[in-house]
Amino acid sequence: METNDKIKIFLVDDDALFLKALEIEFLSLDSFEIETYANGELCIENLNRKPNIIILDYHLDGIEDNAMNGVQTLDKIKKYDAEIPVIMLSSQDKIDVAVKCMHHEAYDYVVKSETAFLRLQKIINSIFFYNKIRKELKWYMERM
């Protein structure tokens, strides 16, 4: 598969071990181009690199005390380009955290666990399936 055909994913997490593990999992599939960032500020600075999807940690407070948290980063991403799907990740299995993320226009919310990578794969597949259907429907509606 050529680099142009790969899905560009930004992985944003201040947990270096989790970030590296997730990067290795995605790179093992050979259909992804991965860029990793340890904080939201770096992610925002690199949005011009046009990610297809961003996987973003909810907290982002492990390295710098005054760093943007995940929700603040999500808001800036959506202000930059509302069409970029952002999947929020958190070690918190709390419904109010998930609801908060969805209110800030996250595409989905995944709890960090042994099955997180599989869930992320399914969500990414659904994003591209939905986008394909949306494009086909738009094409069809324009011809009516």
Protein backbone atom coordinates (compact mmCIF):
# COMPACT_ATOMS: atom_id res chain seq x y z
CA MET A 1 0.00 0.00 0.00
CA GLU A 2 1.37 3.43 -0.90
CA THR A 3 1.76 6.17 1.70
CA ASN A 4 -0.94 8.20 -0.07
CA ASP A 5 -3.45 5.39 0.49
CA LYS A 6 -2.76 5.16 4.20
CA ILE A 7 -5.04 6.60 6.85
CA LYS A 8 -3.22 9.33 8.75
CA ILE A 9 -3.91 9.12 12.47
CA PHE A 10 -2.73 11.51 15.15
CA LEU A 11 -2.31 9.75 18.50
CA VAL A 12 -2.27 12.24 21.38
CA ASP A 13 -1.52 10.97 24.88
CA ASP A 14 0.79 12.00 27.71
CA ASP A 15 1.24 8.36 28.77
CA ALA A 16 4.36 7.47 26.77
CA LEU A 17 3.99 3.69 27.24
CA PHE A 18 0.34 3.62 26.17
CA LEU A 19 1.12 5.94 23.25
CA LYS A 20 3.96 3.72 22.00
CA ALA A 21 1.90 0.54 22.42
CA LEU A 22 -0.96 2.04 20.44
CA GLU A 23 1.42 3.26 17.74
CA ILE A 24 2.95 -0.22 17.40
CA GLU A 25 -0.52 -1.82 17.13
CA PHE A 26 -1.60 0.54 14.35
CA LEU A 27 1.68 0.30 12.44
CA SER A 28 1.44 -3.50 12.47
CA LEU A 29 -1.60 -3.24 10.18
CA ASP A 30 0.29 -1.42 7.37
CA SER A 31 -2.73 0.70 6.44
CA PHE A 32 -2.01 3.58 8.79
CA GLU A 33 0.41 6.48 8.91
CA ILE A 34 0.85 7.44 12.56
CA GLU A 35 2.00 10.66 14.15
CA THR A 36 2.28 10.78 17.94
CA TYR A 37 2.09 13.81 20.22
CA ALA A 38 2.56 13.99 23.98
CA ASN A 39 0.27 17.00 24.43
CA GLY A 40 -2.59 18.87 22.85
CA GLU A 41 -0.51 21.90 21.96
CA LEU A 42 1.72 19.85 19.64
CA CYS A 43 -1.32 18.26 18.05
CA ILE A 44 -2.86 21.67 17.35
CA GLU A 45 0.42 22.99 15.91
CA ASN A 46 0.46 20.10 13.41
CA LEU A 47 -3.16 20.09 12.22
CA ASN A 48 -1.94 21.50 8.91
CA ARG A 49 -0.53 17.98 8.29
CA LYS A 50 -4.17 16.95 7.69
CA PRO A 51 -4.94 13.92 9.85
CA ASN A 52 -7.85 11.73 8.81
CA ILE A 53 -8.59 10.85 12.45
CA ILE A 54 -7.35 11.99 15.83
CA ILE A 55 -7.28 9.71 18.87
CA LEU A 56 -7.05 11.99 21.89
CA ASP A 57 -6.52 11.34 25.60
CA TYR A 58 -9.06 12.97 27.91
CA HIS A 59 -6.63 14.19 30.59
CA LEU A 60 -3.26 15.15 29.04
CA ASP A 61 -1.95 16.46 32.35
CA GLY A 62 0.87 14.05 33.12
CA ILE A 63 3.82 15.99 31.69
CA GLU A 64 3.02 19.69 32.11
CA ASP A 65 0.77 21.10 34.82
CA ASN A 66 -0.55 23.91 32.63
CA ALA A 67 -1.05 21.83 29.47
CA MET A 68 -4.41 21.84 27.70
CA ASN A 69 -6.61 18.94 28.69
CA GLY A 70 -8.26 16.69 26.14
CA VAL A 71 -11.55 18.59 26.00
CA GLN A 72 -9.78 21.92 25.46
CA THR A 73 -7.73 20.28 22.69
CA LEU A 74 -10.89 18.78 21.18
CA ASP A 75 -12.53 22.23 21.10
CA LYS A 76 -9.53 23.72 19.28
CA ILE A 77 -9.46 20.84 16.77
CA LYS A 78 -13.16 21.33 16.02
CA LYS A 79 -12.65 25.07 15.64
CA TYR A 80 -9.82 24.40 13.17
CA ASP A 81 -11.79 21.77 11.20
CA ALA A 82 -15.13 20.44 12.43
CA GLU A 83 -14.95 17.51 10.00
CA ILE A 84 -11.94 15.79 11.62
CA PRO A 85 -13.27 12.82 13.59
CA VAL A 86 -11.85 12.80 17.12
CA ILE A 87 -12.05 9.67 19.25
CA MET A 88 -11.53 10.36 22.93
CA LEU A 89 -9.61 7.91 25.13
CA SER A 90 -9.66 7.79 28.89
CA SER A 91 -8.86 5.45 31.73
CA GLN A 92 -12.09 6.67 33.34
CA ASP A 93 -15.08 4.42 32.80
CA LYS A 94 -17.58 7.13 33.76
CA ILE A 95 -20.67 7.96 31.75
CA ASP A 96 -20.50 11.67 32.64
CA VAL A 97 -16.98 11.91 31.13
CA ALA A 98 -18.17 10.19 27.94
CA VAL A 99 -21.21 12.48 27.73
CA LYS A 100 -19.03 15.56 28.24
CA CYS A 101 -16.80 14.46 25.36
CA MET A 102 -19.80 13.87 23.10
CA HIS A 103 -21.18 17.33 23.95
CA HIS A 104 -17.88 18.74 22.72
CA GLU A 105 -18.39 16.90 19.40
CA ALA A 106 -16.14 13.88 19.90
CA TYR A 107 -16.97 11.13 17.42
CA ASP A 108 -16.76 8.44 20.11
CA TYR A 109 -15.33 7.62 23.52
CA VAL A 110 -13.17 4.58 24.36
CA VAL A 111 -12.01 3.43 27.77
CA LYS A 112 -8.35 2.43 27.93
CA SER A 113 -8.33 -1.32 28.40
CA GLU A 114 -7.08 -4.55 26.82
CA THR A 115 -9.78 -4.21 24.14
CA ALA A 116 -9.23 -0.49 23.38
CA PHE A 117 -7.31 -1.17 20.17
CA LEU A 118 -10.02 -3.47 18.80
CA ARG A 119 -12.69 -0.90 19.64
CA LEU A 120 -10.65 1.82 17.94
CA GLN A 121 -10.35 -0.33 14.80
CA LYS A 122 -14.12 -0.83 14.68
CA ILE A 123 -14.77 2.88 15.17
CA ILE A 124 -12.30 3.81 12.42
CA ASN A 125 -14.00 1.34 10.08
CA SER A 126 -17.38 2.86 10.90
CA ILE A 127 -16.05 6.39 10.24
CA PHE A 128 -14.91 5.45 6.74
CA PHE A 129 -18.06 3.45 6.03
CA TYR A 130 -20.24 6.39 7.11
CA ASN A 131 -18.18 8.84 5.03
CA LYS A 132 -18.47 6.60 1.97
CA ILE A 133 -22.24 6.38 2.32
CA ARG A 134 -22.48 10.14 2.87
CA LYS A 135 -20.48 10.82 -0.32
CA GLU A 136 -22.59 8.37 -2.33
CA LEU A 137 -25.81 9.89 -1.04
CA LYS A 138 -24.57 13.40 -1.86
CA TRP A 139 -23.63 12.26 -5.37
CA TYR A 140 -27.05 10.67 -5.84
CA MET A 141 -28.94 13.71 -4.50
CA GLU A 142 -27.03 16.07 -6.80
CA ARG A 143 -28.24 14.09 -9.82
CA MET A 144 -31.91 14.23 -8.93
